[in-house]
Amino acid sequence: MVYVMFLGAVRPHVSKRKRYLEFFNEYMILFISLHMLCFTNFIPDNMTVFILGYQFVAMMGFVFMVNIGLMIENNVSKYFKKKKKEVIQ
């Protein structure tokens, strides 16, 4: 949580997109870490823990897909900018 406050105060990333992605990743890591408490004896019902396991995997998959999607979009954008620059020259 201190790191998120640091990101908000210092703003180490120049672009808003990178800053928002960093906030998204940090909050999701925080939420997933808190979610892991449900896998201890905190919740006695095994079926509830089993269902929460699916939710945990879905959240991890969502974070993975958002980051991979943005990486692919960034690389495709760079590729087309490079091709456009080559055509102009």
C-alpha atoms as a PDB file:
ATOM      1  CA  MET A   1       0.000   0.000   0.000  1.00  0.00           C
ATOM      2  CA  VAL A   2       2.912   2.321   0.675  1.00  0.00           C
ATOM      3  CA  TYR A   3       4.193   1.690  -2.850  1.00  0.00           C
ATOM      4  CA  VAL A   4       0.840   2.753  -4.308  1.00  0.00           C
ATOM      5  CA  MET A   5       1.018   5.972  -2.297  1.00  0.00           C
ATOM      6  CA  PHE A   6       4.581   6.447  -3.591  1.00  0.00           C
ATOM      7  CA  LEU A   7       3.364   5.998  -7.173  1.00  0.00           C
ATOM      8  CA  GLY A   8       0.637   8.566  -6.657  1.00  0.00           C
ATOM      9  CA  ALA A   9       2.960  11.132  -5.126  1.00  0.00           C
ATOM     10  CA  VAL A  10       6.119  10.754  -7.225  1.00  0.00           C
ATOM     11  CA  ARG A  11       4.588   9.671 -10.570  1.00  0.00           C
ATOM     12  CA  PRO A  12       7.653   7.879 -11.929  1.00  0.00           C
ATOM     13  CA  HIS A  13       5.922   7.030 -15.226  1.00  0.00           C
ATOM     14  CA  VAL A  14       5.557   9.794 -17.777  1.00  0.00           C
ATOM     15  CA  SER A  15       2.513   8.493 -19.638  1.00  0.00           C
ATOM     16  CA  LYS A  16      -0.907   8.155 -18.047  1.00  0.00           C
ATOM     17  CA  ARG A  17      -1.314   4.725 -19.586  1.00  0.00           C
ATOM     18  CA  LYS A  18       1.744   3.304 -17.834  1.00  0.00           C
ATOM     19  CA  ARG A  19       0.748   4.975 -14.582  1.00  0.00           C
ATOM     20  CA  TYR A  20      -2.782   3.532 -14.732  1.00  0.00           C
ATOM     21  CA  LEU A  21      -1.417   0.096 -15.616  1.00  0.00           C
ATOM     22  CA  GLU A  22       0.930   0.256 -12.642  1.00  0.00           C
ATOM     23  CA  PHE A  23      -1.938   1.236 -10.341  1.00  0.00           C
ATOM     24  CA  PHE A  24      -4.081  -1.571 -11.777  1.00  0.00           C
ATOM     25  CA  ASN A  25      -1.344  -4.147 -11.251  1.00  0.00           C
ATOM     26  CA  GLU A  26      -0.579  -2.993  -7.718  1.00  0.00           C
ATOM     27  CA  TYR A  27      -4.214  -2.995  -6.634  1.00  0.00           C
ATOM     28  CA  MET A  28      -4.799  -6.405  -8.193  1.00  0.00           C
ATOM     29  CA  ILE A  29      -1.741  -7.803  -6.404  1.00  0.00           C
ATOM     30  CA  LEU A  30      -3.073  -6.352  -3.160  1.00  0.00           C
ATOM     31  CA  PHE A  31      -6.533  -7.802  -3.753  1.00  0.00           C
ATOM     32  CA  ILE A  32      -5.159 -11.214  -4.761  1.00  0.00           C
ATOM     33  CA  SER A  33      -2.876 -11.265  -1.714  1.00  0.00           C
ATOM     34  CA  LEU A  34      -5.814 -10.522   0.562  1.00  0.00           C
ATOM     35  CA  HIS A  35      -7.814 -13.157  -1.285  1.00  0.00           C
ATOM     36  CA  MET A  36      -5.206 -15.750  -0.332  1.00  0.00           C
ATOM     37  CA  LEU A  37      -6.294 -15.385   3.297  1.00  0.00           C
ATOM     38  CA  CYS A  38      -9.461 -17.247   2.295  1.00  0.00           C
ATOM     39  CA  PHE A  39      -7.395 -20.397   1.707  1.00  0.00           C
ATOM     40  CA  THR A  40      -6.398 -20.649   5.376  1.00  0.00           C
ATOM     41  CA  ASN A  41      -8.649 -21.864   8.182  1.00  0.00           C
ATOM     42  CA  PHE A  42     -10.377 -18.471   8.108  1.00  0.00           C
ATOM     43  CA  ILE A  43     -13.222 -20.031   6.074  1.00  0.00           C
ATOM     44  CA  PRO A  44     -14.165 -23.441   7.468  1.00  0.00           C
ATOM     45  CA  ASP A  45     -16.438 -24.539   4.590  1.00  0.00           C
ATOM     46  CA  ASN A  46     -14.395 -26.465   2.011  1.00  0.00           C
ATOM     47  CA  MET A  47     -16.900 -25.915  -0.808  1.00  0.00           C
ATOM     48  CA  THR A  48     -16.716 -22.145  -0.346  1.00  0.00           C
ATOM     49  CA  VAL A  49     -12.924 -22.304  -0.437  1.00  0.00           C
ATOM     50  CA  PHE A  50     -13.151 -24.417  -3.600  1.00  0.00           C
ATOM     51  CA  ILE A  51     -15.370 -21.811  -5.307  1.00  0.00           C
ATOM     52  CA  LEU A  52     -13.068 -19.014  -4.141  1.00  0.00           C
ATOM     53  CA  GLY A  53     -10.236 -20.916  -5.815  1.00  0.00           C
ATOM     54  CA  TYR A  54     -11.979 -20.488  -9.167  1.00  0.00           C
ATOM     55  CA  GLN A  55     -12.402 -16.800  -8.450  1.00  0.00           C
ATOM     56  CA  PHE A  56      -8.714 -16.550  -7.569  1.00  0.00           C
ATOM     57  CA  VAL A  57      -7.667 -18.221 -10.823  1.00  0.00           C
ATOM     58  CA  ALA A  58     -10.060 -16.013 -12.799  1.00  0.00           C
ATOM     59  CA  MET A  59      -8.572 -12.863 -11.258  1.00  0.00           C
ATOM     60  CA  MET A  60      -5.056 -14.032 -12.043  1.00  0.00           C
ATOM     61  CA  GLY A  61      -6.114 -14.805 -15.604  1.00  0.00           C
ATOM     62  CA  PHE A  62      -7.725 -11.376 -15.935  1.00  0.00           C
ATOM     63  CA  VAL A  63      -4.539  -9.614 -14.803  1.00  0.00           C
ATOM     64  CA  PHE A  64      -2.504 -11.797 -17.151  1.00  0.00           C
ATOM     65  CA  MET A  65      -4.783 -11.103 -20.121  1.00  0.00           C
ATOM     66  CA  VAL A  66      -4.842  -7.333 -19.512  1.00  0.00           C
ATOM     67  CA  ASN A  67      -1.050  -7.165 -19.381  1.00  0.00           C
ATOM     68  CA  ILE A  68      -0.490  -9.482 -22.357  1.00  0.00           C
ATOM     69  CA  GLY A  69      -3.149  -7.611 -24.357  1.00  0.00           C
ATOM     70  CA  LEU A  70      -1.499  -4.269 -23.699  1.00  0.00           C
ATOM     71  CA  MET A  71       1.921  -5.677 -24.587  1.00  0.00           C
ATOM     72  CA  ILE A  72       0.581  -7.034 -27.896  1.00  0.00           C
ATOM     73  CA  GLU A  73      -1.179  -3.746 -28.661  1.00  0.00           C
ATOM     74  CA  ASN A  74       2.007  -1.812 -27.895  1.00  0.00           C
ATOM     75  CA  ASN A  75       4.144  -4.043 -30.130  1.00  0.00           C
ATOM     76  CA  VAL A  76       1.656  -3.913 -33.019  1.00  0.00           C
ATOM     77  CA  SER A  77       1.523  -0.130 -32.720  1.00  0.00           C
ATOM     78  CA  LYS A  78       5.331   0.106 -32.793  1.00  0.00           C
ATOM     79  CA  TYR A  79       5.462  -2.239 -35.795  1.00  0.00           C
ATOM     80  CA  PHE A  80       3.021  -0.141 -37.821  1.00  0.00           C
ATOM     81  CA  LYS A  81       4.801   3.091 -36.876  1.00  0.00           C
ATOM     82  CA  LYS A  82       8.086   1.554 -38.048  1.00  0.00           C
ATOM     83  CA  LYS A  83       6.522   0.367 -41.322  1.00  0.00           C
ATOM     84  CA  LYS A  84       4.942   3.780 -41.890  1.00  0.00           C
ATOM     85  CA  LYS A  85       8.319   5.437 -41.311  1.00  0.00           C
ATOM     86  CA  GLU A  86       9.979   3.065 -43.808  1.00  0.00           C
ATOM     87  CA  VAL A  87       7.344   3.805 -46.468  1.00  0.00           C
ATOM     88  CA  ILE A  88       7.782   7.553 -46.063  1.00  0.00           C
ATOM     89  CA  GLN A  89      11.576   7.389 -46.468  1.00  0.00           C
END
